[in-house]
Amino acid sequence: MSRQRNKRSIVGISGSPRRHANSEVLLDRALEGAALEGAIVDKIVLNELCLMPCQGCYRCGKKGVCAVKDDMKLVYKKLDGADGLVIASPIYFGSLTAQLKIMIDRFESYWVRKYVLKRPKPYKRRSGIFLCCAANENRKFFKNAMDITKHFFTTLDIEYRGALFCGRLTGPGDMIKRPQTLDRAFRMGAMLAKRV
């Protein structure tokens, strides 16, 4: 979606390899809440992009720009222009999905720019939330995923405004059976649109 004058922009990132499964259903609901508050919403489905993992080449060390050429240029552009961010992921092996972790690792160039080169991007006030699903309710897994997300938000100067953790989701369509959880995601998206 193109950005309109004076409209707040909320970007949602789906880290799931499966389309329209539990975490993406939550994400869509949060984006609906943001849209109802007048925000322009945009969704990135990482599994549909061609993303290389960080190569550890440290070529970003001179200018703070990643040297790998792939679809991350789209992700960088959308997140740089966003007023708010919603990240959604299932838990895989006690952490975020590989798709999401690849994306986060590729923001190493932003970390270098901010902390090594001391030339951070001048962002306006921004906020973000984290939506997370799992088959079990192991709080250590949720905390691990949340900690990674918080570090990512800090690097991009995004204020962490909270999370929604949903366990006992064993099937890809289980989330639609939880209207109260979906309503909470909707309210969180609306809050995010108001906050930024």
N, C-alpha and C. Protein backbone atom coordinates (compact mmCIF):
# COMPACT_ATOMS: atom_id res chain seq x y z
N MET A 1 0.83 -1.19 0.00
CA MET A 1 0.00 0.00 0.00
C MET A 1 0.87 1.24 0.00
N SER A 2 0.48 2.24 -0.77
CA SER A 2 1.24 3.48 -0.76
C SER A 2 0.85 4.30 0.47
N ARG A 3 1.80 5.00 0.98
CA ARG A 3 1.56 5.79 2.19
C ARG A 3 0.84 7.09 1.82
N GLN A 4 -0.22 7.42 2.56
CA GLN A 4 -0.96 8.64 2.33
C GLN A 4 -0.52 9.70 3.32
N ARG A 5 -0.72 10.97 2.93
CA ARG A 5 -0.33 12.08 3.78
C ARG A 5 -1.03 12.01 5.14
N ASN A 6 -0.26 12.21 6.20
CA ASN A 6 -0.77 12.26 7.57
C ASN A 6 -1.37 10.95 8.07
N LYS A 7 -1.14 9.86 7.39
CA LYS A 7 -1.63 8.56 7.85
C LYS A 7 -0.49 7.82 8.52
N ARG A 8 -0.79 7.18 9.64
CA ARG A 8 0.21 6.38 10.32
C ARG A 8 0.37 5.04 9.61
N SER A 9 1.57 4.56 9.55
CA SER A 9 1.88 3.32 8.84
C SER A 9 2.25 2.22 9.84
N ILE A 10 1.52 1.12 9.79
CA ILE A 10 1.82 -0.04 10.63
C ILE A 10 2.19 -1.20 9.73
N VAL A 11 3.36 -1.77 9.95
CA VAL A 11 3.82 -2.92 9.18
C VAL A 11 3.72 -4.18 10.04
N GLY A 12 3.12 -5.21 9.47
CA GLY A 12 3.05 -6.51 10.13
C GLY A 12 3.97 -7.49 9.43
N ILE A 13 4.71 -8.25 10.21
CA ILE A 13 5.64 -9.23 9.65
C ILE A 13 5.23 -10.62 10.11
N SER A 14 4.93 -11.48 9.15
CA SER A 14 4.61 -12.87 9.45
C SER A 14 5.87 -13.72 9.30
N GLY A 15 6.26 -14.36 10.40
CA GLY A 15 7.45 -15.20 10.37
C GLY A 15 7.16 -16.66 10.14
N SER A 16 5.90 -17.01 9.97
CA SER A 16 5.53 -18.42 9.82
C SER A 16 5.80 -18.93 8.40
N PRO A 17 6.25 -20.17 8.26
CA PRO A 17 6.38 -20.76 6.94
C PRO A 17 5.05 -21.19 6.35
N ARG A 18 4.00 -21.25 7.18
CA ARG A 18 2.68 -21.65 6.71
C ARG A 18 1.78 -20.43 6.53
N ARG A 19 1.06 -20.38 5.42
CA ARG A 19 0.14 -19.27 5.18
C ARG A 19 -1.17 -19.49 5.92
N HIS A 20 -1.67 -18.39 6.48
CA HIS A 20 -3.00 -18.34 7.10
C HIS A 20 -3.15 -19.29 8.28
N ALA A 21 -2.05 -19.64 8.92
CA ALA A 21 -2.10 -20.46 10.13
C ALA A 21 -2.20 -19.55 11.35
N ASN A 22 -2.00 -20.10 12.53
CA ASN A 22 -2.36 -19.41 13.78
C ASN A 22 -1.71 -18.04 13.97
N SER A 23 -0.40 -17.96 13.78
CA SER A 23 0.25 -16.67 14.04
C SER A 23 -0.14 -15.62 13.00
N GLU A 24 -0.35 -16.04 11.76
CA GLU A 24 -0.77 -15.07 10.74
C GLU A 24 -2.21 -14.63 10.96
N VAL A 25 -3.06 -15.53 11.47
CA VAL A 25 -4.43 -15.15 11.82
C VAL A 25 -4.41 -14.07 12.90
N LEU A 26 -3.55 -14.25 13.90
CA LEU A 26 -3.39 -13.24 14.95
C LEU A 26 -2.89 -11.92 14.36
N LEU A 27 -1.90 -12.02 13.49
CA LEU A 27 -1.34 -10.82 12.86
C LEU A 27 -2.41 -10.07 12.08
N ASP A 28 -3.18 -10.79 11.28
CA ASP A 28 -4.23 -10.16 10.48
C ASP A 28 -5.23 -9.43 11.37
N ARG A 29 -5.54 -10.04 12.49
CA ARG A 29 -6.51 -9.42 13.41
C ARG A 29 -5.93 -8.13 14.01
N ALA A 30 -4.65 -8.16 14.38
CA ALA A 30 -4.02 -6.95 14.91
C ALA A 30 -3.98 -5.84 13.86
N LEU A 31 -3.69 -6.20 12.62
CA LEU A 31 -3.66 -5.21 11.55
C LEU A 31 -5.05 -4.65 11.27
N GLU A 32 -6.08 -5.48 11.43
CA GLU A 32 -7.46 -4.98 11.30
C GLU A 32 -7.74 -3.91 12.35
N GLY A 33 -7.29 -4.16 13.57
CA GLY A 33 -7.47 -3.18 14.64
C GLY A 33 -6.77 -1.87 14.33
N ALA A 34 -5.54 -1.97 13.80
CA ALA A 34 -4.80 -0.76 13.44
C ALA A 34 -5.49 -0.01 12.31
N ALA A 35 -5.99 -0.75 11.33
CA ALA A 35 -6.67 -0.12 10.19
C ALA A 35 -7.94 0.59 10.64
N LEU A 36 -8.65 0.00 11.58
CA LEU A 36 -9.88 0.63 12.08
C LEU A 36 -9.60 1.97 12.74
N GLU A 37 -8.39 2.12 13.28
CA GLU A 37 -7.99 3.39 13.89
C GLU A 37 -7.41 4.37 12.87
N GLY A 38 -7.49 4.01 11.59
CA GLY A 38 -7.06 4.92 10.54
C GLY A 38 -5.65 4.73 10.03
N ALA A 39 -4.96 3.72 10.53
CA ALA A 39 -3.58 3.48 10.07
C ALA A 39 -3.58 2.81 8.70
N ILE A 40 -2.54 3.06 7.95
CA ILE A 40 -2.30 2.31 6.71
C ILE A 40 -1.50 1.08 7.11
N VAL A 41 -2.01 -0.09 6.79
CA VAL A 41 -1.35 -1.32 7.21
C VAL A 41 -0.74 -2.03 6.00
N ASP A 42 0.35 -2.69 6.25
CA ASP A 42 1.07 -3.42 5.22
C ASP A 42 1.60 -4.70 5.85
N LYS A 43 1.48 -5.80 5.15
CA LYS A 43 1.94 -7.09 5.69
C LYS A 43 3.05 -7.67 4.83
N ILE A 44 4.10 -8.12 5.51
CA ILE A 44 5.21 -8.81 4.85
C ILE A 44 5.17 -10.27 5.28
N VAL A 45 5.13 -11.16 4.31
CA VAL A 45 5.19 -12.60 4.58
C VAL A 45 6.60 -13.06 4.21
N LEU A 46 7.42 -13.26 5.23
CA LEU A 46 8.84 -13.53 4.99
C LEU A 46 9.09 -14.77 4.14
N ASN A 47 8.25 -15.79 4.30
CA ASN A 47 8.48 -17.03 3.57
C ASN A 47 8.28 -16.88 2.06
N GLU A 48 7.67 -15.77 1.65
CA GLU A 48 7.46 -15.53 0.22
C GLU A 48 8.57 -14.67 -0.37
N LEU A 49 9.53 -14.29 0.44
CA LEU A 49 10.66 -13.50 -0.03
C LEU A 49 11.90 -14.38 -0.17
N CYS A 50 12.84 -13.92 -0.96
CA CYS A 50 14.13 -14.61 -1.09
C CYS A 50 15.13 -13.88 -0.20
N LEU A 51 15.41 -14.48 0.96
CA LEU A 51 16.29 -13.86 1.94
C LEU A 51 17.48 -14.78 2.24
N MET A 52 18.65 -14.24 2.09
CA MET A 52 19.87 -14.95 2.47
C MET A 52 20.17 -14.68 3.94
N PRO A 53 20.73 -15.66 4.65
CA PRO A 53 21.17 -15.38 6.02
C PRO A 53 22.33 -14.39 6.02
N CYS A 54 22.55 -13.73 7.13
CA CYS A 54 23.72 -12.88 7.29
C CYS A 54 24.97 -13.72 7.03
N GLN A 55 25.89 -13.19 6.23
CA GLN A 55 27.09 -13.93 5.86
C GLN A 55 28.27 -13.65 6.79
N GLY A 56 28.08 -12.79 7.77
CA GLY A 56 29.17 -12.49 8.70
C GLY A 56 30.37 -11.88 8.02
N CYS A 57 30.14 -11.24 6.86
CA CYS A 57 31.25 -10.69 6.09
C CYS A 57 31.75 -9.36 6.65
N TYR A 58 30.91 -8.72 7.43
CA TYR A 58 31.18 -7.43 8.06
C TYR A 58 31.51 -6.34 7.05
N ARG A 59 31.02 -6.50 5.82
CA ARG A 59 31.18 -5.41 4.85
C ARG A 59 30.31 -4.22 5.22
N CYS A 60 29.35 -4.45 6.12
CA CYS A 60 28.53 -3.33 6.61
C CYS A 60 29.32 -2.46 7.59
N GLY A 61 30.52 -2.90 7.97
CA GLY A 61 31.30 -2.19 8.98
C GLY A 61 31.79 -0.81 8.56
N LYS A 62 31.81 -0.54 7.26
CA LYS A 62 32.29 0.77 6.80
C LYS A 62 31.19 1.81 6.71
N LYS A 63 30.02 1.40 6.17
CA LYS A 63 28.95 2.37 5.96
C LYS A 63 27.64 1.99 6.64
N GLY A 64 27.60 0.83 7.28
CA GLY A 64 26.37 0.40 7.92
C GLY A 64 25.31 -0.03 6.93
N VAL A 65 25.75 -0.54 5.78
CA VAL A 65 24.83 -0.99 4.74
C VAL A 65 25.14 -2.44 4.41
N CYS A 66 24.11 -3.28 4.41
CA CYS A 66 24.31 -4.70 4.11
C CYS A 66 24.72 -4.88 2.66
N ALA A 67 25.71 -5.76 2.43
CA ALA A 67 26.24 -5.98 1.08
C ALA A 67 25.48 -7.07 0.33
N VAL A 68 24.66 -7.85 1.03
CA VAL A 68 23.93 -8.94 0.38
C VAL A 68 22.75 -8.35 -0.40
N LYS A 69 22.61 -8.73 -1.65
CA LYS A 69 21.55 -8.20 -2.51
C LYS A 69 20.44 -9.24 -2.67
N ASP A 70 19.33 -8.98 -2.03
CA ASP A 70 18.17 -9.86 -2.16
C ASP A 70 16.92 -9.09 -1.76
N ASP A 71 15.86 -9.78 -1.37
CA ASP A 71 14.60 -9.13 -1.06
C ASP A 71 14.60 -8.35 0.26
N MET A 72 15.70 -8.39 1.00
CA MET A 72 15.76 -7.59 2.22
C MET A 72 15.63 -6.10 1.93
N LYS A 73 15.98 -5.69 0.72
CA LYS A 73 15.85 -4.26 0.39
C LYS A 73 14.40 -3.81 0.56
N LEU A 74 13.44 -4.68 0.26
CA LEU A 74 12.02 -4.37 0.46
C LEU A 74 11.70 -4.26 1.95
N VAL A 75 12.24 -5.18 2.74
CA VAL A 75 12.00 -5.17 4.19
C VAL A 75 12.60 -3.92 4.82
N TYR A 76 13.84 -3.59 4.45
CA TYR A 76 14.47 -2.38 4.98
C TYR A 76 13.61 -1.15 4.68
N LYS A 77 13.16 -1.04 3.45
CA LYS A 77 12.39 0.13 3.03
C LYS A 77 11.09 0.25 3.82
N LYS A 78 10.38 -0.85 3.96
CA LYS A 78 9.09 -0.80 4.66
C LYS A 78 9.27 -0.50 6.15
N LEU A 79 10.27 -1.10 6.77
CA LEU A 79 10.46 -0.86 8.20
C LEU A 79 11.01 0.53 8.47
N ASP A 80 11.83 1.05 7.56
CA ASP A 80 12.33 2.42 7.75
C ASP A 80 11.19 3.42 7.72
N GLY A 81 10.15 3.16 6.92
CA GLY A 81 9.04 4.09 6.80
C GLY A 81 7.90 3.84 7.76
N ALA A 82 8.01 2.81 8.58
CA ALA A 82 6.90 2.43 9.46
C ALA A 82 6.85 3.28 10.72
N ASP A 83 5.62 3.56 11.16
CA ASP A 83 5.41 4.20 12.46
C ASP A 83 5.24 3.17 13.56
N GLY A 84 4.84 1.96 13.19
CA GLY A 84 4.63 0.89 14.15
C GLY A 84 4.89 -0.45 13.51
N LEU A 85 5.18 -1.45 14.35
CA LEU A 85 5.54 -2.77 13.84
C LEU A 85 4.86 -3.86 14.66
N VAL A 86 4.31 -4.85 13.95
CA VAL A 86 3.75 -6.04 14.59
C VAL A 86 4.52 -7.23 14.05
N ILE A 87 5.13 -8.00 14.95
CA ILE A 87 5.83 -9.22 14.55
C ILE A 87 5.04 -10.41 15.06
N ALA A 88 4.82 -11.39 14.18
CA ALA A 88 4.09 -12.60 14.56
C ALA A 88 4.90 -13.83 14.17
N SER A 89 4.98 -14.77 15.11
CA SER A 89 5.76 -15.98 14.86
C SER A 89 5.27 -17.14 15.70
N PRO A 90 5.27 -18.34 15.12
CA PRO A 90 5.13 -19.52 15.98
C PRO A 90 6.47 -19.83 16.64
N ILE A 91 6.42 -20.66 17.65
CA ILE A 91 7.65 -21.12 18.30
C ILE A 91 8.16 -22.36 17.58
N TYR A 92 9.42 -22.31 17.17
CA TYR A 92 10.09 -23.47 16.57
C TYR A 92 11.34 -23.75 17.39
N PHE A 93 11.45 -24.94 17.94
CA PHE A 93 12.61 -25.33 18.74
C PHE A 93 12.93 -24.29 19.80
N GLY A 94 11.90 -23.82 20.48
CA GLY A 94 12.09 -22.92 21.60
C GLY A 94 12.47 -21.50 21.23
N SER A 95 12.24 -21.11 19.96
CA SER A 95 12.63 -19.78 19.53
C SER A 95 11.76 -19.31 18.38
N LEU A 96 12.18 -18.22 17.74
CA LEU A 96 11.52 -17.72 16.55
C LEU A 96 11.79 -18.66 15.37
N THR A 97 11.00 -18.53 14.33
CA THR A 97 11.23 -19.33 13.13
C THR A 97 12.52 -18.91 12.43
N ALA A 98 13.02 -19.78 11.58
CA ALA A 98 14.23 -19.46 10.81
C ALA A 98 14.01 -18.25 9.92
N GLN A 99 12.81 -18.15 9.34
CA GLN A 99 12.50 -17.02 8.46
C GLN A 99 12.66 -15.69 9.20
N LEU A 100 12.11 -15.63 10.39
CA LEU A 100 12.17 -14.40 11.16
C LEU A 100 13.58 -14.13 11.68
N LYS A 101 14.25 -15.18 12.10
CA LYS A 101 15.62 -15.00 12.61
C LYS A 101 16.57 -14.55 11.51
N ILE A 102 16.37 -15.05 10.30
CA ILE A 102 17.19 -14.57 9.17
C ILE A 102 16.99 -13.08 8.98
N MET A 103 15.72 -12.64 8.99
CA MET A 103 15.44 -11.22 8.82
C MET A 103 16.11 -10.39 9.91
N ILE A 104 15.94 -10.81 11.16
CA ILE A 104 16.52 -10.06 12.27
C ILE A 104 18.04 -9.99 12.15
N ASP A 105 18.67 -11.12 11.85
CA ASP A 105 20.13 -11.13 11.71
C ASP A 105 20.61 -10.19 10.61
N ARG A 106 19.79 -10.02 9.58
CA ARG A 106 20.18 -9.15 8.48
C ARG A 106 20.09 -7.66 8.84
N PHE A 107 19.58 -7.36 10.02
CA PHE A 107 19.62 -5.99 10.50
C PHE A 107 20.91 -5.72 11.28
N GLU A 108 21.88 -6.60 11.15
CA GLU A 108 23.21 -6.38 11.74
C GLU A 108 23.79 -5.06 11.25
N SER A 109 23.51 -4.73 9.99
CA SER A 109 24.04 -3.47 9.44
C SER A 109 23.47 -2.26 10.19
N TYR A 110 22.23 -2.36 10.65
CA TYR A 110 21.63 -1.27 11.42
C TYR A 110 22.28 -1.20 12.81
N TRP A 111 22.58 -2.37 13.38
CA TRP A 111 23.26 -2.42 14.68
C TRP A 111 24.63 -1.77 14.57
N VAL A 112 25.34 -2.12 13.48
CA VAL A 112 26.67 -1.54 13.24
C VAL A 112 26.57 -0.03 13.09
N ARG A 113 25.60 0.41 12.30
CA ARG A 113 25.43 1.85 12.07
C ARG A 113 25.16 2.58 13.39
N LYS A 114 24.34 1.97 14.23
CA LYS A 114 23.93 2.64 15.48
C LYS A 114 25.02 2.58 16.55
N TYR A 115 25.60 1.40 16.77
CA TYR A 115 26.48 1.22 17.92
C TYR A 115 27.98 1.31 17.60
N VAL A 116 28.35 1.00 16.37
CA VAL A 116 29.78 1.04 16.01
C VAL A 116 30.12 2.35 15.31
N LEU A 117 29.36 2.67 14.28
CA LEU A 117 29.63 3.89 13.52
C LEU A 117 29.03 5.14 14.17
N LYS A 118 28.14 4.91 15.15
CA LYS A 118 27.49 6.02 15.87
C LYS A 118 26.73 6.94 14.93
N ARG A 119 26.10 6.32 13.91
CA ARG A 119 25.28 7.08 12.97
C ARG A 119 23.89 6.44 12.85
N PRO A 120 23.12 6.43 13.94
CA PRO A 120 21.80 5.80 13.88
C PRO A 120 20.86 6.57 12.97
N LYS A 121 19.89 5.85 12.41
CA LYS A 121 18.87 6.52 11.60
C LYS A 121 18.01 7.40 12.51
N PRO A 122 17.64 8.58 12.06
CA PRO A 122 16.82 9.47 12.90
C PRO A 122 15.33 9.14 12.77
N TYR A 123 14.88 8.14 13.52
CA TYR A 123 13.48 7.75 13.46
C TYR A 123 12.63 8.65 14.34
N LYS A 124 11.36 8.83 13.93
CA LYS A 124 10.40 9.46 14.83
C LYS A 124 9.96 8.42 15.85
N ARG A 125 9.14 8.80 16.77
CA ARG A 125 8.69 7.87 17.81
C ARG A 125 7.93 6.71 17.18
N ARG A 126 8.34 5.49 17.53
CA ARG A 126 7.73 4.28 16.96
C ARG A 126 7.48 3.26 18.06
N SER A 127 6.48 2.39 17.81
CA SER A 127 6.13 1.37 18.79
C SER A 127 5.94 0.03 18.09
N GLY A 128 6.02 -1.06 18.87
CA GLY A 128 5.83 -2.38 18.29
C GLY A 128 5.28 -3.37 19.29
N ILE A 129 4.66 -4.42 18.77
CA ILE A 129 4.14 -5.51 19.58
C ILE A 129 4.57 -6.84 18.98
N PHE A 130 4.48 -7.88 19.80
CA PHE A 130 4.90 -9.22 19.41
C PHE A 130 3.77 -10.21 19.67
N LEU A 131 3.42 -11.00 18.65
CA LEU A 131 2.38 -12.02 18.75
C LEU A 131 3.04 -13.38 18.52
N CYS A 132 2.78 -14.32 19.44
CA CYS A 132 3.52 -15.57 19.38
C CYS A 132 2.63 -16.76 19.72
N CYS A 133 2.75 -17.83 18.94
CA CYS A 133 1.95 -19.05 19.12
C CYS A 133 2.86 -20.26 19.32
N ALA A 134 2.30 -21.25 20.02
CA ALA A 134 3.07 -22.48 20.23
C ALA A 134 2.12 -23.64 20.49
N ALA A 135 2.60 -24.84 20.26
CA ALA A 135 1.80 -26.04 20.53
C ALA A 135 1.71 -26.31 22.02
N ASN A 136 2.76 -25.93 22.76
CA ASN A 136 2.72 -26.13 24.21
C ASN A 136 2.70 -24.77 24.91
N GLU A 137 2.88 -24.77 26.21
CA GLU A 137 2.84 -23.51 26.96
C GLU A 137 4.13 -23.29 27.74
N ASN A 138 5.23 -23.70 27.19
CA ASN A 138 6.52 -23.55 27.85
C ASN A 138 6.92 -22.07 27.86
N ARG A 139 6.84 -21.45 29.01
CA ARG A 139 7.10 -20.01 29.12
C ARG A 139 8.55 -19.66 28.80
N LYS A 140 9.46 -20.62 28.98
CA LYS A 140 10.86 -20.35 28.62
C LYS A 140 10.99 -20.11 27.12
N PHE A 141 10.23 -20.87 26.34
CA PHE A 141 10.27 -20.70 24.88
C PHE A 141 9.75 -19.32 24.50
N PHE A 142 8.62 -18.93 25.10
CA PHE A 142 8.06 -17.61 24.81
C PHE A 142 9.03 -16.51 25.21
N LYS A 143 9.65 -16.67 26.38
CA LYS A 143 10.58 -15.64 26.86
C LYS A 143 11.78 -15.52 25.93
N ASN A 144 12.29 -16.64 25.46
CA ASN A 144 13.42 -16.61 24.55
C ASN A 144 13.07 -15.83 23.28
N ALA A 145 11.92 -16.15 22.70
CA ALA A 145 11.47 -15.46 21.48
C ALA A 145 11.24 -13.98 21.76
N MET A 146 10.67 -13.67 22.92
CA MET A 146 10.41 -12.28 23.28
C MET A 146 11.71 -11.51 23.46
N ASP A 147 12.70 -12.10 24.09
CA ASP A 147 13.98 -11.41 24.31
C ASP A 147 14.64 -11.05 22.98
N ILE A 148 14.62 -11.98 22.03
CA ILE A 148 15.20 -11.70 20.71
C ILE A 148 14.45 -10.54 20.05
N THR A 149 13.12 -10.57 20.14
CA THR A 149 12.30 -9.52 19.54
C THR A 149 12.58 -8.17 20.20
N LYS A 150 12.73 -8.16 21.52
CA LYS A 150 13.03 -6.91 22.22
C LYS A 150 14.37 -6.33 21.79
N HIS A 151 15.37 -7.19 21.63
CA HIS A 151 16.68 -6.71 21.18
C HIS A 151 16.58 -6.11 19.78
N PHE A 152 15.81 -6.77 18.94
CA PHE A 152 15.59 -6.26 17.58
C PHE A 152 14.92 -4.89 17.61
N PHE A 153 13.87 -4.76 18.41
CA PHE A 153 13.18 -3.49 18.53
C PHE A 153 14.12 -2.39 19.04
N THR A 154 14.95 -2.71 20.01
CA THR A 154 15.88 -1.73 20.55
C THR A 154 16.82 -1.21 19.47
N THR A 155 17.32 -2.12 18.64
CA THR A 155 18.22 -1.72 17.56
C THR A 155 17.55 -0.76 16.60
N LEU A 156 16.25 -0.95 16.35
CA LEU A 156 15.53 -0.09 15.42
C LEU A 156 14.79 1.06 16.11
N ASP A 157 15.09 1.28 17.38
CA ASP A 157 14.45 2.36 18.14
C ASP A 157 12.93 2.24 18.11
N ILE A 158 12.45 1.04 18.34
CA ILE A 158 11.02 0.77 18.41
C ILE A 158 10.68 0.45 19.86
N GLU A 159 9.77 1.20 20.44
CA GLU A 159 9.36 0.97 21.82
C GLU A 159 8.53 -0.31 21.89
N TYR A 160 8.95 -1.24 22.72
CA TYR A 160 8.24 -2.52 22.90
C TYR A 160 7.01 -2.27 23.75
N ARG A 161 5.83 -2.49 23.16
CA ARG A 161 4.58 -2.16 23.84
C ARG A 161 3.83 -3.39 24.34
N GLY A 162 4.40 -4.58 24.22
CA GLY A 162 3.76 -5.75 24.79
C GLY A 162 3.70 -6.93 23.83
N ALA A 163 3.22 -8.04 24.39
CA ALA A 163 3.17 -9.29 23.62
C ALA A 163 1.89 -10.05 23.95
N LEU A 164 1.55 -10.94 23.04
CA LEU A 164 0.43 -11.85 23.23
C LEU A 164 0.96 -13.25 22.97
N PHE A 165 1.00 -14.08 24.02
CA PHE A 165 1.51 -15.44 23.91
C PHE A 165 0.34 -16.42 23.96
N CYS A 166 0.29 -17.31 22.99
CA CYS A 166 -0.82 -18.25 22.87
C CYS A 166 -0.29 -19.67 22.77
N GLY A 167 -0.56 -20.48 23.78
CA GLY A 167 -0.13 -21.88 23.77
C GLY A 167 -1.27 -22.82 23.45
N ARG A 168 -0.95 -24.11 23.40
CA ARG A 168 -1.89 -25.18 23.11
C ARG A 168 -2.60 -25.02 21.77
N LEU A 169 -1.83 -24.62 20.79
CA LEU A 169 -2.35 -24.52 19.42
C LEU A 169 -1.67 -25.60 18.60
N THR A 170 -2.28 -26.76 18.53
CA THR A 170 -1.64 -27.91 17.88
C THR A 170 -1.97 -28.01 16.40
N GLY A 171 -3.08 -27.41 15.96
CA GLY A 171 -3.45 -27.45 14.55
C GLY A 171 -3.38 -26.08 13.93
N PRO A 172 -3.14 -25.97 12.61
CA PRO A 172 -2.98 -24.67 11.97
C PRO A 172 -4.22 -23.79 12.00
N GLY A 173 -5.40 -24.35 12.27
CA GLY A 173 -6.62 -23.55 12.32
C GLY A 173 -7.18 -23.34 13.70
N ASP A 174 -6.41 -23.69 14.72
CA ASP A 174 -6.92 -23.62 16.10
C ASP A 174 -7.23 -22.20 16.57
N MET A 175 -6.51 -21.22 16.03
CA MET A 175 -6.68 -19.86 16.52
C MET A 175 -8.09 -19.32 16.27
N ILE A 176 -8.72 -19.73 15.20
CA ILE A 176 -10.05 -19.20 14.89
C ILE A 176 -11.08 -19.65 15.92
N LYS A 177 -10.71 -20.63 16.74
CA LYS A 177 -11.62 -21.10 17.79
C LYS A 177 -11.45 -20.30 19.08
N ARG A 178 -10.63 -19.27 19.05
CA ARG A 178 -10.36 -18.46 20.25
C ARG A 178 -10.74 -17.00 20.01
N PRO A 179 -12.01 -16.71 19.99
CA PRO A 179 -12.44 -15.33 19.70
C PRO A 179 -11.92 -14.31 20.71
N GLN A 180 -11.78 -14.69 21.97
CA GLN A 180 -11.29 -13.73 22.96
C GLN A 180 -9.83 -13.35 22.70
N THR A 181 -9.04 -14.33 22.29
CA THR A 181 -7.64 -14.06 21.95
C THR A 181 -7.55 -13.18 20.71
N LEU A 182 -8.39 -13.46 19.73
CA LEU A 182 -8.41 -12.65 18.52
C LEU A 182 -8.85 -11.22 18.82
N ASP A 183 -9.80 -11.07 19.72
CA ASP A 183 -10.23 -9.73 20.13
C ASP A 183 -9.09 -8.98 20.81
N ARG A 184 -8.32 -9.70 21.60
CA ARG A 184 -7.19 -9.05 22.28
C ARG A 184 -6.14 -8.59 21.26
N ALA A 185 -5.88 -9.42 20.25
CA ALA A 185 -4.94 -9.01 19.19
C ALA A 185 -5.47 -7.78 18.46
N PHE A 186 -6.77 -7.74 18.22
CA PHE A 186 -7.40 -6.60 17.56
C PHE A 186 -7.18 -5.33 18.39
N ARG A 187 -7.41 -5.44 19.69
CA ARG A 187 -7.24 -4.28 20.57
C ARG A 187 -5.77 -3.83 20.63
N MET A 188 -4.86 -4.79 20.61
CA MET A 188 -3.43 -4.43 20.63
C MET A 188 -3.05 -3.69 19.35
N GLY A 189 -3.58 -4.12 18.22
CA GLY A 189 -3.31 -3.42 16.97
C GLY A 189 -3.88 -2.02 16.98
N ALA A 190 -5.08 -1.88 17.52
CA ALA A 190 -5.71 -0.56 17.63
C ALA A 190 -4.89 0.35 18.54
N MET A 191 -4.43 -0.21 19.66
CA MET A 191 -3.61 0.55 20.60
C MET A 191 -2.32 1.02 19.93
N LEU A 192 -1.74 0.14 19.12
CA LEU A 192 -0.49 0.49 18.45
C LEU A 192 -0.71 1.66 17.49
N ALA A 193 -1.83 1.64 16.79
CA ALA A 193 -2.12 2.72 15.84
C ALA A 193 -2.35 4.03 16.55
N LYS A 194 -2.94 3.98 17.73
CA LYS A 194 -3.17 5.19 18.51
C LYS A 194 -1.89 5.71 19.13
N ARG A 195 -1.01 4.78 19.48
CA ARG A 195 0.21 5.11 20.24
C ARG A 195 1.21 5.87 19.40
N VAL A 196 1.34 5.49 18.14
CA VAL A 196 2.41 6.05 17.32
C VAL A 196 2.05 7.44 16.81
